Amino acid sequence: MLYSVDSNNYIDYIPHAKEYAAWRDRLPQSDFQAIWDDLSGRVSGSEIQTSSWIPGADWSGTVFQPIYDKACDQDPVASAKFFGLILWEVVRSHESAWGFGRYKLGDVPIEGMTYFRLNNPPPH
């Protein structure tokens, strides 16, 4: 479950749904499942995740490489966006409630979305 702390609402949609669907259609199911499983394991085993810190700068040889190579035609901006939307969906489908937002590390804005497990989530 994904909860917007800013709007005090649970989120039941995916942003940029048309782009997400187009990229998803270009990604073989086996690749998508491998990405989903990797991200699900990360989310289940943590209290906080920041999207831009998960894949790192070089996706070569990782389960995330097909996002760049297949789904997004080697477009780094589209790849980052699609990756972030997959993570959004993984967090949204998780049994625990998660909040999210954009934050800074010191005075520097963090590029990706940060997700954090809510210990006392509001009723759904």
PDB file of N, CA and C in Angstrom:
ATOM      1  N   MET A   1       0.846  -1.180   0.000  1.00  0.00           N
ATOM      2  CA  MET A   1       0.000   0.000   0.000  1.00  0.00           C
ATOM      3  C   MET A   1       0.889   1.239   0.000  1.00  0.00           C
ATOM      4  N   LEU A   2       0.502   2.198  -0.770  1.00  0.00           N
ATOM      5  CA  LEU A   2       1.280   3.422  -0.918  1.00  0.00           C
ATOM      6  C   LEU A   2       0.457   4.586  -0.404  1.00  0.00           C
ATOM      7  N   TYR A   3       1.045   5.315   0.522  1.00  0.00           N
ATOM      8  CA  TYR A   3       0.338   6.404   1.192  1.00  0.00           C
ATOM      9  C   TYR A   3       1.079   7.718   0.959  1.00  0.00           C
ATOM     10  N   SER A   4       0.341   8.715   0.501  1.00  0.00           N
ATOM     11  CA  SER A   4       0.915  10.044   0.320  1.00  0.00           C
ATOM     12  C   SER A   4       0.807  10.812   1.624  1.00  0.00           C
ATOM     13  N   VAL A   5       1.936  11.043   2.234  1.00  0.00           N
ATOM     14  CA  VAL A   5       1.969  11.805   3.480  1.00  0.00           C
ATOM     15  C   VAL A   5       1.544  13.244   3.209  1.00  0.00           C
ATOM     16  N   ASP A   6       1.895  13.765   2.039  1.00  0.00           N
ATOM     17  CA  ASP A   6       1.550  15.147   1.697  1.00  0.00           C
ATOM     18  C   ASP A   6       0.043  15.354   1.556  1.00  0.00           C
ATOM     19  N   SER A   7      -0.648  14.404   0.912  1.00  0.00           N
ATOM     20  CA  SER A   7      -2.090  14.575   0.688  1.00  0.00           C
ATOM     21  C   SER A   7      -2.952  13.768   1.658  1.00  0.00           C
ATOM     22  N   ASN A   8      -2.304  12.983   2.522  1.00  0.00           N
ATOM     23  CA  ASN A   8      -3.019  12.155   3.499  1.00  0.00           C
ATOM     24  C   ASN A   8      -3.992  11.192   2.833  1.00  0.00           C
ATOM     25  N   ASN A   9      -3.555  10.578   1.731  1.00  0.00           N
ATOM     26  CA  ASN A   9      -4.393   9.632   1.003  1.00  0.00           C
ATOM     27  C   ASN A   9      -3.584   8.428   0.556  1.00  0.00           C
ATOM     28  N   TYR A  10      -4.267   7.285   0.491  1.00  0.00           N
ATOM     29  CA  TYR A  10      -3.671   6.120  -0.146  1.00  0.00           C
ATOM     30  C   TYR A  10      -3.739   6.316  -1.661  1.00  0.00           C
ATOM     31  N   ILE A  11      -2.723   5.822  -2.340  1.00  0.00           N
ATOM     32  CA  ILE A  11      -2.613   5.978  -3.784  1.00  0.00           C
ATOM     33  C   ILE A  11      -3.064   4.686  -4.451  1.00  0.00           C
ATOM     34  N   ASP A  12      -3.978   4.795  -5.385  1.00  0.00           N
ATOM     35  CA  ASP A  12      -4.479   3.605  -6.073  1.00  0.00           C
ATOM     36  C   ASP A  12      -4.318   3.712  -7.590  1.00  0.00           C
ATOM     37  N   TYR A  13      -3.329   4.436  -8.032  1.00  0.00           N
ATOM     38  CA  TYR A  13      -3.096   4.613  -9.459  1.00  0.00           C
ATOM     39  C   TYR A  13      -1.597   4.617  -9.728  1.00  0.00           C
ATOM     40  N   ILE A  14      -1.262   4.502 -10.993  1.00  0.00           N
ATOM     41  CA  ILE A  14       0.131   4.628 -11.404  1.00  0.00           C
ATOM     42  C   ILE A  14       0.259   5.894 -12.244  1.00  0.00           C
ATOM     43  N   PRO A  15       1.172   6.771 -11.890  1.00  0.00           N
ATOM     44  CA  PRO A  15       1.376   7.966 -12.720  1.00  0.00           C
ATOM     45  C   PRO A  15       1.941   7.572 -14.085  1.00  0.00           C
ATOM     46  N   HIS A  16       1.707   8.401 -15.057  1.00  0.00           N
ATOM     47  CA  HIS A  16       2.237   8.172 -16.408  1.00  0.00           C
ATOM     48  C   HIS A  16       1.849   6.779 -16.923  1.00  0.00           C
ATOM     49  N   ALA A  17       0.598   6.405 -16.714  1.00  0.00           N
ATOM     50  CA  ALA A  17       0.122   5.056 -17.009  1.00  0.00           C
ATOM     51  C   ALA A  17       0.296   4.671 -18.482  1.00  0.00           C
ATOM     52  N   LYS A  18       0.100   5.610 -19.407  1.00  0.00           N
ATOM     53  CA  LYS A  18       0.244   5.277 -20.830  1.00  0.00           C
ATOM     54  C   LYS A  18       1.688   4.944 -21.177  1.00  0.00           C
ATOM     55  N   GLU A  19       2.627   5.740 -20.659  1.00  0.00           N
ATOM     56  CA  GLU A  19       4.040   5.455 -20.906  1.00  0.00           C
ATOM     57  C   GLU A  19       4.435   4.126 -20.264  1.00  0.00           C
ATOM     58  N   TYR A  20       3.989   3.931 -19.039  1.00  0.00           N
ATOM     59  CA  TYR A  20       4.282   2.686 -18.328  1.00  0.00           C
ATOM     60  C   TYR A  20       3.802   1.491 -19.143  1.00  0.00           C
ATOM     61  N   ALA A  21       2.577   1.547 -19.632  1.00  0.00           N
ATOM     62  CA  ALA A  21       2.012   0.443 -20.404  1.00  0.00           C
ATOM     63  C   ALA A  21       2.805   0.193 -21.692  1.00  0.00           C
ATOM     64  N   ALA A  22       3.209   1.244 -22.365  1.00  0.00           N
ATOM     65  CA  ALA A  22       3.977   1.089 -23.604  1.00  0.00           C
ATOM     66  C   ALA A  22       5.330   0.437 -23.336  1.00  0.00           C
ATOM     67  N   TRP A  23       6.023   0.908 -22.301  1.00  0.00           N
ATOM     68  CA  TRP A  23       7.318   0.308 -21.958  1.00  0.00           C
ATOM     69  C   TRP A  23       7.136  -1.133 -21.501  1.00  0.00           C
ATOM     70  N   ARG A  24       6.106  -1.361 -20.714  1.00  0.00           N
ATOM     71  CA  ARG A  24       5.831  -2.704 -20.186  1.00  0.00           C
ATOM     72  C   ARG A  24       5.566  -3.678 -21.331  1.00  0.00           C
ATOM     73  N   ASP A  25       4.874  -3.236 -22.354  1.00  0.00           N
ATOM     74  CA  ASP A  25       4.577  -4.086 -23.510  1.00  0.00           C
ATOM     75  C   ASP A  25       5.837  -4.502 -24.266  1.00  0.00           C
ATOM     76  N   ARG A  26       6.888  -3.693 -24.196  1.00  0.00           N
ATOM     77  CA  ARG A  26       8.132  -4.007 -24.908  1.00  0.00           C
ATOM     78  C   ARG A  26       9.085  -4.877 -24.082  1.00  0.00           C
ATOM     79  N   LEU A  27       8.725  -5.127 -22.832  1.00  0.00           N
ATOM     80  CA  LEU A  27       9.591  -5.895 -21.939  1.00  0.00           C
ATOM     81  C   LEU A  27       9.049  -7.319 -21.810  1.00  0.00           C
ATOM     82  N   PRO A  28       9.836  -8.325 -22.174  1.00  0.00           N
ATOM     83  CA  PRO A  28       9.360  -9.699 -22.022  1.00  0.00           C
ATOM     84  C   PRO A  28       8.952  -9.999 -20.576  1.00  0.00           C
ATOM     85  N   GLN A  29       7.939 -10.839 -20.426  1.00  0.00           N
ATOM     86  CA  GLN A  29       7.414 -11.159 -19.098  1.00  0.00           C
ATOM     87  C   GLN A  29       8.497 -11.698 -18.169  1.00  0.00           C
ATOM     88  N   SER A  30       9.394 -12.531 -18.702  1.00  0.00           N
ATOM     89  CA  SER A  30      10.451 -13.098 -17.846  1.00  0.00           C
ATOM     90  C   SER A  30      11.368 -12.010 -17.303  1.00  0.00           C
ATOM     91  N   ASP A  31      11.689 -11.008 -18.115  1.00  0.00           N
ATOM     92  CA  ASP A  31      12.516  -9.895 -17.648  1.00  0.00           C
ATOM     93  C   ASP A  31      11.762  -9.064 -16.619  1.00  0.00           C
ATOM     94  N   PHE A  32      10.494  -8.776 -16.907  1.00  0.00           N
ATOM     95  CA  PHE A  32       9.690  -8.001 -15.966  1.00  0.00           C
ATOM     96  C   PHE A  32       9.590  -8.726 -14.627  1.00  0.00           C
ATOM     97  N   GLN A  33       9.359 -10.035 -14.664  1.00  0.00           N
ATOM     98  CA  GLN A  33       9.222 -10.805 -13.421  1.00  0.00           C
ATOM     99  C   GLN A  33      10.517 -10.793 -12.617  1.00  0.00           C
ATOM    100  N   ALA A  34      11.653 -10.895 -13.299  1.00  0.00           N
ATOM    101  CA  ALA A  34      12.948 -10.856 -12.606  1.00  0.00           C
ATOM    102  C   ALA A  34      13.153  -9.505 -11.922  1.00  0.00           C
ATOM    103  N   ILE A  35      12.782  -8.432 -12.596  1.00  0.00           N
ATOM    104  CA  ILE A  35      12.887  -7.086 -12.010  1.00  0.00           C
ATOM    105  C   ILE A  35      11.945  -6.970 -10.822  1.00  0.00           C
ATOM    106  N   TRP A  36      10.695  -7.400 -11.020  1.00  0.00           N
ATOM    107  CA  TRP A  36       9.694  -7.336  -9.949  1.00  0.00           C
ATOM    108  C   TRP A  36      10.168  -8.117  -8.718  1.00  0.00           C
ATOM    109  N   ASP A  37      10.669  -9.318  -8.933  1.00  0.00           N
ATOM    110  CA  ASP A  37      11.120 -10.155  -7.823  1.00  0.00           C
ATOM    111  C   ASP A  37      12.287  -9.513  -7.075  1.00  0.00           C
ATOM    112  N   ASP A  38      13.230  -8.948  -7.816  1.00  0.00           N
ATOM    113  CA  ASP A  38      14.372  -8.280  -7.188  1.00  0.00           C
ATOM    114  C   ASP A  38      13.894  -7.115  -6.324  1.00  0.00           C
ATOM    115  N   LEU A  39      13.036  -6.275  -6.898  1.00  0.00           N
ATOM    116  CA  LEU A  39      12.558  -5.104  -6.155  1.00  0.00           C
ATOM    117  C   LEU A  39      11.682  -5.506  -4.977  1.00  0.00           C
ATOM    118  N   SER A  40      10.864  -6.526  -5.153  1.00  0.00           N
ATOM    119  CA  SER A  40      10.023  -7.002  -4.046  1.00  0.00           C
ATOM    120  C   SER A  40      10.877  -7.469  -2.880  1.00  0.00           C
ATOM    121  N   GLY A  41      11.952  -8.172  -3.183  1.00  0.00           N
ATOM    122  CA  GLY A  41      12.861  -8.622  -2.128  1.00  0.00           C
ATOM    123  C   GLY A  41      13.514  -7.465  -1.407  1.00  0.00           C
ATOM    124  N   ARG A  42      13.900  -6.453  -2.143  1.00  0.00           N
ATOM    125  CA  ARG A  42      14.509  -5.272  -1.527  1.00  0.00           C
ATOM    126  C   ARG A  42      13.515  -4.549  -0.620  1.00  0.00           C
ATOM    127  N   VAL A  43      12.305  -4.375  -1.120  1.00  0.00           N
ATOM    128  CA  VAL A  43      11.273  -3.667  -0.349  1.00  0.00           C
ATOM    129  C   VAL A  43      10.907  -4.461   0.897  1.00  0.00           C
ATOM    130  N   SER A  44      10.717  -5.758   0.751  1.00  0.00           N
ATOM    131  CA  SER A  44      10.321  -6.589   1.894  1.00  0.00           C
ATOM    132  C   SER A  44      11.393  -6.624   2.970  1.00  0.00           C
ATOM    133  N   GLY A  45      12.644  -6.484   2.573  1.00  0.00           N
ATOM    134  CA  GLY A  45      13.738  -6.582   3.535  1.00  0.00           C
ATOM    135  C   GLY A  45      14.254  -5.258   4.051  1.00  0.00           C
ATOM    136  N   SER A  46      13.469  -4.188   3.927  1.00  0.00           N
ATOM    137  CA  SER A  46      13.998  -2.883   4.336  1.00  0.00           C
ATOM    138  C   SER A  46      12.906  -1.986   4.910  1.00  0.00           C
ATOM    139  N   GLU A  47      13.348  -0.886   5.442  1.00  0.00           N
ATOM    140  CA  GLU A  47      12.446   0.134   5.985  1.00  0.00           C
ATOM    141  C   GLU A  47      12.408   1.370   5.102  1.00  0.00           C
ATOM    142  N   ILE A  48      13.427   1.514   4.239  1.00  0.00           N
ATOM    143  CA  ILE A  48      13.520   2.697   3.376  1.00  0.00           C
ATOM    144  C   ILE A  48      14.222   2.311   2.080  1.00  0.00           C
ATOM    145  N   GLN A  49      13.756   2.880   0.978  1.00  0.00           N
ATOM    146  CA  GLN A  49      14.379   2.683  -0.329  1.00  0.00           C
ATOM    147  C   GLN A  49      14.315   3.994  -1.102  1.00  0.00           C
ATOM    148  N   THR A  50      15.369   4.299  -1.819  1.00  0.00           N
ATOM    149  CA  THR A  50      15.395   5.459  -2.706  1.00  0.00           C
ATOM    150  C   THR A  50      15.612   4.959  -4.121  1.00  0.00           C
ATOM    151  N   SER A  51      14.682   5.294  -4.996  1.00  0.00           N
ATOM    152  CA  SER A  51      14.666   4.694  -6.329  1.00  0.00           C
ATOM    153  C   SER A  51      15.978   4.863  -7.087  1.00  0.00           C
ATOM    154  N   SER A  52      16.548   6.045  -7.080  1.00  0.00           N
ATOM    155  CA  SER A  52      17.748   6.283  -7.892  1.00  0.00           C
ATOM    156  C   SER A  52      18.995   5.620  -7.319  1.00  0.00           C
ATOM    157  N   TRP A  53      18.934   5.133  -6.098  1.00  0.00           N
ATOM    158  CA  TRP A  53      20.099   4.479  -5.509  1.00  0.00           C
ATOM    159  C   TRP A  53      20.083   2.970  -5.712  1.00  0.00           C
ATOM    160  N   ILE A  54      18.965   2.407  -6.133  1.00  0.00           N
ATOM    161  CA  ILE A  54      18.870   0.955  -6.261  1.00  0.00           C
ATOM    162  C   ILE A  54      19.665   0.439  -7.458  1.00  0.00           C
ATOM    163  N   PRO A  55      19.398   0.904  -8.673  1.00  0.00           N
ATOM    164  CA  PRO A  55      20.094   0.265  -9.788  1.00  0.00           C
ATOM    165  C   PRO A  55      21.545   0.683  -9.921  1.00  0.00           C
ATOM    166  N   GLY A  56      21.916   1.817  -9.364  1.00  0.00           N
ATOM    167  CA  GLY A  56      23.269   2.319  -9.546  1.00  0.00           C
ATOM    168  C   GLY A  56      23.430   2.948 -10.921  1.00  0.00           C
ATOM    169  N   ALA A  57      24.616   3.386 -11.220  1.00  0.00           N
ATOM    170  CA  ALA A  57      24.878   4.097 -12.472  1.00  0.00           C
ATOM    171  C   ALA A  57      25.032   3.162 -13.662  1.00  0.00           C
ATOM    172  N   ASP A  58      25.501   1.947 -13.425  1.00  0.00           N
ATOM    173  CA  ASP A  58      25.733   1.000 -14.513  1.00  0.00           C
ATOM    174  C   ASP A  58      24.834  -0.212 -14.331  1.00  0.00           C
ATOM    175  N   TRP A  59      23.875  -0.382 -15.221  1.00  0.00           N
ATOM    176  CA  TRP A  59      22.914  -1.478 -15.124  1.00  0.00           C
ATOM    177  C   TRP A  59      23.403  -2.739 -15.818  1.00  0.00           C
ATOM    178  N   SER A  60      24.578  -2.703 -16.419  1.00  0.00           N
ATOM    179  CA  SER A  60      25.114  -3.846 -17.169  1.00  0.00           C
ATOM    180  C   SER A  60      25.163  -5.086 -16.281  1.00  0.00           C
ATOM    181  N   GLY A  61      24.630  -6.175 -16.811  1.00  0.00           N
ATOM    182  CA  GLY A  61      24.684  -7.441 -16.095  1.00  0.00           C
ATOM    183  C   GLY A  61      23.707  -7.569 -14.940  1.00  0.00           C
ATOM    184  N   THR A  62      22.824  -6.600 -14.774  1.00  0.00           N
ATOM    185  CA  THR A  62      21.833  -6.667 -13.706  1.00  0.00           C
ATOM    186  C   THR A  62      20.471  -7.025 -14.289  1.00  0.00           C
ATOM    187  N   VAL A  63      19.533  -7.350 -13.426  1.00  0.00           N
ATOM    188  CA  VAL A  63      18.172  -7.630 -13.900  1.00  0.00           C
ATOM    189  C   VAL A  63      17.531  -6.387 -14.501  1.00  0.00           C
ATOM    190  N   PHE A  64      18.099  -5.213 -14.226  1.00  0.00           N
ATOM    191  CA  PHE A  64      17.527  -3.958 -14.710  1.00  0.00           C
ATOM    192  C   PHE A  64      17.957  -3.601 -16.135  1.00  0.00           C
ATOM    193  N   GLN A  65      18.989  -4.255 -16.660  1.00  0.00           N
ATOM    194  CA  GLN A  65      19.498  -3.937 -17.997  1.00  0.00           C
ATOM    195  C   GLN A  65      18.426  -4.026 -19.087  1.00  0.00           C
ATOM    196  N   PRO A  66      17.494  -4.994 -19.050  1.00  0.00           N
ATOM    197  CA  PRO A  66      16.458  -5.042 -20.095  1.00  0.00           C
ATOM    198  C   PRO A  66      15.551  -3.808 -20.128  1.00  0.00           C
ATOM    199  N   ILE A  67      15.447  -3.092 -19.039  1.00  0.00           N
ATOM    200  CA  ILE A  67      14.674  -1.844 -19.063  1.00  0.00           C
ATOM    201  C   ILE A  67      15.311  -0.904 -20.082  1.00  0.00           C
ATOM    202  N   TYR A  68      16.616  -0.764 -19.987  1.00  0.00           N
ATOM    203  CA  TYR A  68      17.364   0.118 -20.875  1.00  0.00           C
ATOM    204  C   TYR A  68      17.439  -0.431 -22.303  1.00  0.00           C
ATOM    205  N   ASP A  69      17.805  -1.716 -22.417  1.00  0.00           N
ATOM    206  CA  ASP A  69      18.041  -2.316 -23.730  1.00  0.00           C
ATOM    207  C   ASP A  69      16.769  -2.590 -24.522  1.00  0.00           C
ATOM    208  N   LYS A  70      15.745  -3.095 -23.856  1.00  0.00           N
ATOM    209  CA  LYS A  70      14.556  -3.575 -24.566  1.00  0.00           C
ATOM    210  C   LYS A  70      13.364  -2.621 -24.452  1.00  0.00           C
ATOM    211  N   ALA A  71      13.018  -2.258 -23.247  1.00  0.00           N
ATOM    212  CA  ALA A  71      11.778  -1.491 -23.039  1.00  0.00           C
ATOM    213  C   ALA A  71      11.906  -0.040 -23.488  1.00  0.00           C
ATOM    214  N   CYS A  72      13.061   0.553 -23.258  1.00  0.00           N
ATOM    215  CA  CYS A  72      13.195   2.001 -23.480  1.00  0.00           C
ATOM    216  C   CYS A  72      14.176   2.362 -24.587  1.00  0.00           C
ATOM    217  N   ASP A  73      14.547   1.406 -25.418  1.00  0.00           N
ATOM    218  CA  ASP A  73      15.397   1.676 -26.588  1.00  0.00           C
ATOM    219  C   ASP A  73      16.658   2.474 -26.250  1.00  0.00           C
ATOM    220  N   GLN A  74      17.284   2.123 -25.146  1.00  0.00           N
ATOM    221  CA  GLN A  74      18.532   2.725 -24.690  1.00  0.00           C
ATOM    222  C   GLN A  74      18.420   4.228 -24.420  1.00  0.00           C
ATOM    223  N   ASP A  75      17.273   4.651 -23.997  1.00  0.00           N
ATOM    224  CA  ASP A  75      17.052   6.041 -23.595  1.00  0.00           C
ATOM    225  C   ASP A  75      17.213   6.111 -22.076  1.00  0.00           C
ATOM    226  N   PRO A  76      18.267   6.773 -21.581  1.00  0.00           N
ATOM    227  CA  PRO A  76      18.511   6.770 -20.139  1.00  0.00           C
ATOM    228  C   PRO A  76      17.425   7.486 -19.335  1.00  0.00           C
ATOM    229  N   VAL A  77      16.836   8.526 -19.878  1.00  0.00           N
ATOM    230  CA  VAL A  77      15.779   9.246 -19.151  1.00  0.00           C
ATOM    231  C   VAL A  77      14.523   8.385 -19.055  1.00  0.00           C
ATOM    232  N   ALA A  78      14.118   7.803 -20.169  1.00  0.00           N
ATOM    233  CA  ALA A  78      12.949   6.915 -20.162  1.00  0.00           C
ATOM    234  C   ALA A  78      13.196   5.702 -19.273  1.00  0.00           C
ATOM    235  N   SER A  79      14.405   5.156 -19.312  1.00  0.00           N
ATOM    236  CA  SER A  79      14.740   3.990 -18.489  1.00  0.00           C
ATOM    237  C   SER A  79      14.613   4.296 -17.007  1.00  0.00           C
ATOM    238  N   ALA A  80      15.126   5.439 -16.604  1.00  0.00           N
ATOM    239  CA  ALA A  80      15.027   5.829 -15.195  1.00  0.00           C
ATOM    240  C   ALA A  80      13.565   6.010 -14.783  1.00  0.00           C
ATOM    241  N   LYS A  81      12.788   6.610 -15.661  1.00  0.00           N
ATOM    242  CA  LYS A  81      11.368   6.830 -15.369  1.00  0.00           C
ATOM    243  C   LYS A  81      10.627   5.499 -15.262  1.00  0.00           C
ATOM    244  N   PHE A  82      10.867   4.600 -16.213  1.00  0.00           N
ATOM    245  CA  PHE A  82      10.197   3.298 -16.180  1.00  0.00           C
ATOM    246  C   PHE A  82      10.616   2.512 -14.946  1.00  0.00           C
ATOM    247  N   PHE A  83      11.901   2.525 -14.637  1.00  0.00           N
ATOM    248  CA  PHE A  83      12.370   1.850 -13.418  1.00  0.00           C
ATOM    249  C   PHE A  83      11.624   2.395 -12.208  1.00  0.00           C
ATOM    250  N   GLY A  84      11.539   3.710 -12.101  1.00  0.00           N
ATOM    251  CA  GLY A  84      10.850   4.327 -10.963  1.00  0.00           C
ATOM    252  C   GLY A  84       9.384   3.931 -10.891  1.00  0.00           C
ATOM    253  N   LEU A  85       8.742   3.796 -12.044  1.00  0.00           N
ATOM    254  CA  LEU A  85       7.331   3.393 -12.057  1.00  0.00           C
ATOM    255  C   LEU A  85       7.153   1.929 -11.670  1.00  0.00           C
ATOM    256  N   ILE A  86       8.094   1.080 -12.060  1.00  0.00           N
ATOM    257  CA  ILE A  86       8.025  -0.318 -11.623  1.00  0.00           C
ATOM    258  C   ILE A  86       8.169  -0.372 -10.106  1.00  0.00           C
ATOM    259  N   LEU A  87       9.133   0.357  -9.567  1.00  0.00           N
ATOM    260  CA  LEU A  87       9.303   0.381  -8.112  1.00  0.00           C
ATOM    261  C   LEU A  87       8.039   0.918  -7.436  1.00  0.00           C
ATOM    262  N   TRP A  88       7.447   1.966  -7.999  1.00  0.00           N
ATOM    263  CA  TRP A  88       6.186   2.522  -7.478  1.00  0.00           C
ATOM    264  C   TRP A  88       5.141   1.411  -7.354  1.00  0.00           C
ATOM    265  N   GLU A  89       5.007   0.615  -8.418  1.00  0.00           N
ATOM    266  CA  GLU A  89       4.015  -0.462  -8.426  1.00  0.00           C
ATOM    267  C   GLU A  89       4.355  -1.556  -7.416  1.00  0.00           C
ATOM    268  N   VAL A  90       5.632  -1.883  -7.272  1.00  0.00           N
ATOM    269  CA  VAL A  90       6.042  -2.883  -6.285  1.00  0.00           C
ATOM    270  C   VAL A  90       5.682  -2.402  -4.881  1.00  0.00           C
ATOM    271  N   VAL A  91       6.001  -1.171  -4.583  1.00  0.00           N
ATOM    272  CA  VAL A  91       5.705  -0.624  -3.258  1.00  0.00           C
ATOM    273  C   VAL A  91       4.194  -0.530  -3.057  1.00  0.00           C
ATOM    274  N   ARG A  92       3.487  -0.086  -4.074  1.00  0.00           N
ATOM    275  CA  ARG A  92       2.031   0.056  -3.974  1.00  0.00           C
ATOM    276  C   ARG A  92       1.349  -1.294  -3.742  1.00  0.00           C
ATOM    277  N   SER A  93       1.906  -2.363  -4.275  1.00  0.00           N
ATOM    278  CA  SER A  93       1.297  -3.683  -4.123  1.00  0.00           C
ATOM    279  C   SER A  93       1.753  -4.413  -2.857  1.00  0.00           C
ATOM    280  N   HIS A  94       2.679  -3.834  -2.133  1.00  0.00           N
ATOM    281  CA  HIS A  94       3.208  -4.478  -0.925  1.00  0.00           C
ATOM    282  C   HIS A  94       2.152  -4.504   0.176  1.00  0.00           C
ATOM    283  N   GLU A  95       2.200  -5.542   1.011  1.00  0.00           N
ATOM    284  CA  GLU A  95       1.196  -5.667   2.074  1.00  0.00           C
ATOM    285  C   GLU A  95       1.353  -4.608   3.164  1.00  0.00           C
ATOM    286  N   SER A  96       2.559  -4.105   3.359  1.00  0.00           N
ATOM    287  CA  SER A  96       2.791  -3.042   4.340  1.00  0.00           C
ATOM    288  C   SER A  96       2.513  -1.688   3.716  1.00  0.00           C
ATOM    289  N   ALA A  97       2.145  -0.740   4.541  1.00  0.00           N
ATOM    290  CA  ALA A  97       1.932   0.626   4.059  1.00  0.00           C
ATOM    291  C   ALA A  97       3.276   1.347   3.983  1.00  0.00           C
ATOM    292  N   TRP A  98       3.461   2.045   2.873  1.00  0.00           N
ATOM    293  CA  TRP A  98       4.682   2.803   2.631  1.00  0.00           C
ATOM    294  C   TRP A  98       4.314   4.237   2.293  1.00  0.00           C
ATOM    295  N   GLY A  99       5.062   5.183   2.836  1.00  0.00           N
ATOM    296  CA  GLY A  99       4.948   6.578   2.462  1.00  0.00           C
ATOM    297  C   GLY A  99       6.025   6.891   1.435  1.00  0.00           C
ATOM    298  N   PHE A 100       5.952   8.072   0.861  1.00  0.00           N
ATOM    299  CA  PHE A 100       6.940   8.443  -0.143  1.00  0.00           C
ATOM    300  C   PHE A 100       7.074   9.957  -0.221  1.00  0.00           C
ATOM    301  N   GLY A 101       8.165  10.389  -0.799  1.00  0.00           N
ATOM    302  CA  GLY A 101       8.378  11.809  -1.026  1.00  0.00           C
ATOM    303  C   GLY A 101       9.721  12.057  -1.672  1.00  0.00           C
ATOM    304  N   ARG A 102       9.956  13.323  -1.951  1.00  0.00           N
ATOM    305  CA  ARG A 102      11.251  13.755  -2.499  1.00  0.00           C
ATOM    306  C   ARG A 102      11.959  14.539  -1.396  1.00  0.00           C
ATOM    307  N   TYR A 103      13.202  14.165  -1.148  1.00  0.00           N
ATOM    308  CA  TYR A 103      13.933  14.724  -0.025  1.00  0.00           C
ATOM    309  C   TYR A 103      15.318  15.182  -0.450  1.00  0.00           C
ATOM    310  N   LYS A 104      16.056  15.727   0.493  1.00  0.00           N
ATOM    311  CA  LYS A 104      17.426  16.184   0.262  1.00  0.00           C
ATOM    312  C   LYS A 104      18.373  15.385   1.129  1.00  0.00           C
ATOM    313  N   LEU A 105      19.598  15.276   0.667  1.00  0.00           N
ATOM    314  CA  LEU A 105      20.686  14.734   1.457  1.00  0.00           C
ATOM    315  C   LEU A 105      21.596  15.917   1.720  1.00  0.00           C
ATOM    316  N   GLY A 106      21.538  16.433   2.927  1.00  0.00           N
ATOM    317  CA  GLY A 106      22.177  17.711   3.208  1.00  0.00           C
ATOM    318  C   GLY A 106      21.393  18.783   2.480  1.00  0.00           C
ATOM    319  N   ASP A 107      22.055  19.542   1.646  1.00  0.00           N
ATOM    320  CA  ASP A 107      21.390  20.572   0.850  1.00  0.00           C
ATOM    321  C   ASP A 107      21.158  20.148  -0.603  1.00  0.00           C
ATOM    322  N   VAL A 108      21.484  18.898  -0.919  1.00  0.00           N
ATOM    323  CA  VAL A 108      21.395  18.424  -2.294  1.00  0.00           C
ATOM    324  C   VAL A 108      20.121  17.585  -2.471  1.00  0.00           C
ATOM    325  N   PRO A 109      19.254  17.985  -3.397  1.00  0.00           N
ATOM    326  CA  PRO A 109      18.044  17.179  -3.641  1.00  0.00           C
ATOM    327  C   PRO A 109      18.407  15.778  -4.145  1.00  0.00           C
ATOM    328  N   ILE A 110      17.740  14.777  -3.607  1.00  0.00           N
ATOM    329  CA  ILE A 110      17.906  13.403  -4.078  1.00  0.00           C
ATOM    330  C   ILE A 110      17.096  13.273  -5.357  1.00  0.00           C
ATOM    331  N   GLU A 111      17.706  12.726  -6.388  1.00  0.00           N
ATOM    332  CA  GLU A 111      17.060  12.667  -7.699  1.00  0.00           C
ATOM    333  C   GLU A 111      15.811  11.793  -7.707  1.00  0.00           C
ATOM    334  N   GLY A 112      15.840  10.650  -7.046  1.00  0.00           N
ATOM    335  CA  GLY A 112      14.728   9.713  -7.101  1.00  0.00           C
ATOM    336  C   GLY A 112      13.733   9.900  -5.971  1.00  0.00           C
ATOM    337  N   MET A 113      12.696   9.083  -6.021  1.00  0.00           N
ATOM    338  CA  MET A 113      11.672   9.058  -4.985  1.00  0.00           C
ATOM    339  C   MET A 113      12.184   8.210  -3.823  1.00  0.00           C
ATOM    340  N   THR A 114      11.919   8.673  -2.609  1.00  0.00           N
ATOM    341  CA  THR A 114      12.267   7.911  -1.422  1.00  0.00           C
ATOM    342  C   THR A 114      10.993   7.342  -0.817  1.00  0.00           C
ATOM    343  N   TYR A 115      11.033   6.042  -0.538  1.00  0.00           N
ATOM    344  CA  TYR A 115       9.912   5.320   0.063  1.00  0.00           C
ATOM    345  C   TYR A 115      10.317   4.887   1.460  1.00  0.00           C
ATOM    346  N   PHE A 116       9.373   4.915   2.382  1.00  0.00           N
ATOM    347  CA  PHE A 116       9.656   4.523   3.756  1.00  0.00           C
ATOM    348  C   PHE A 116       8.448   3.804   4.339  1.00  0.00           C
ATOM    349  N   ARG A 117       8.743   2.731   5.073  1.00  0.00           N
ATOM    350  CA  ARG A 117       7.685   1.927   5.680  1.00  0.00           C
ATOM    351  C   ARG A 117       7.034   2.729   6.799  1.00  0.00           C
ATOM    352  N   LEU A 118       5.716   2.732   6.817  1.00  0.00           N
ATOM    353  CA  LEU A 118       4.965   3.432   7.863  1.00  0.00           C
ATOM    354  C   LEU A 118       4.673   2.473   9.010  1.00  0.00           C
ATOM    355  N   ASN A 119       5.127   2.830  10.204  1.00  0.00           N
ATOM    356  CA  ASN A 119       4.918   1.958  11.359  1.00  0.00           C
ATOM    357  C   ASN A 119       3.494   2.039  11.900  1.00  0.00           C
ATOM    358  N   ASN A 120       2.871   3.199  11.819  1.00  0.00           N
ATOM    359  CA  ASN A 120       1.487   3.380  12.277  1.00  0.00           C
ATOM    360  C   ASN A 120       0.674   4.007  11.159  1.00  0.00           C
ATOM    361  N   PRO A 121       0.391   3.227  10.106  1.00  0.00           N
ATOM    362  CA  PRO A 121      -0.330   3.816   8.971  1.00  0.00           C
ATOM    363  C   PRO A 121      -1.779   4.153   9.305  1.00  0.00           C
ATOM    364  N   PRO A 122      -2.315   5.159   8.666  1.00  0.00           N
ATOM    365  CA  PRO A 122      -3.728   5.470   8.870  1.00  0.00           C
ATOM    366  C   PRO A 122      -4.599   4.333   8.318  1.00  0.00           C
ATOM    367  N   PRO A 123      -5.823   4.236   8.783  1.00  0.00           N
ATOM    368  CA  PRO A 123      -6.706   3.180   8.266  1.00  0.00           C
ATOM    369  C   PRO A 123      -6.891   3.317   6.758  1.00  0.00           C
ATOM    370  N   HIS A 124      -6.994   2.193   6.126  1.00  0.00           N
ATOM    371  CA  HIS A 124      -7.162   2.174   4.668  1.00  0.00           C
ATOM    372  C   HIS A 124      -8.616   1.999   4.291  1.00  0.00           C
TER     373      HIS A 124
END
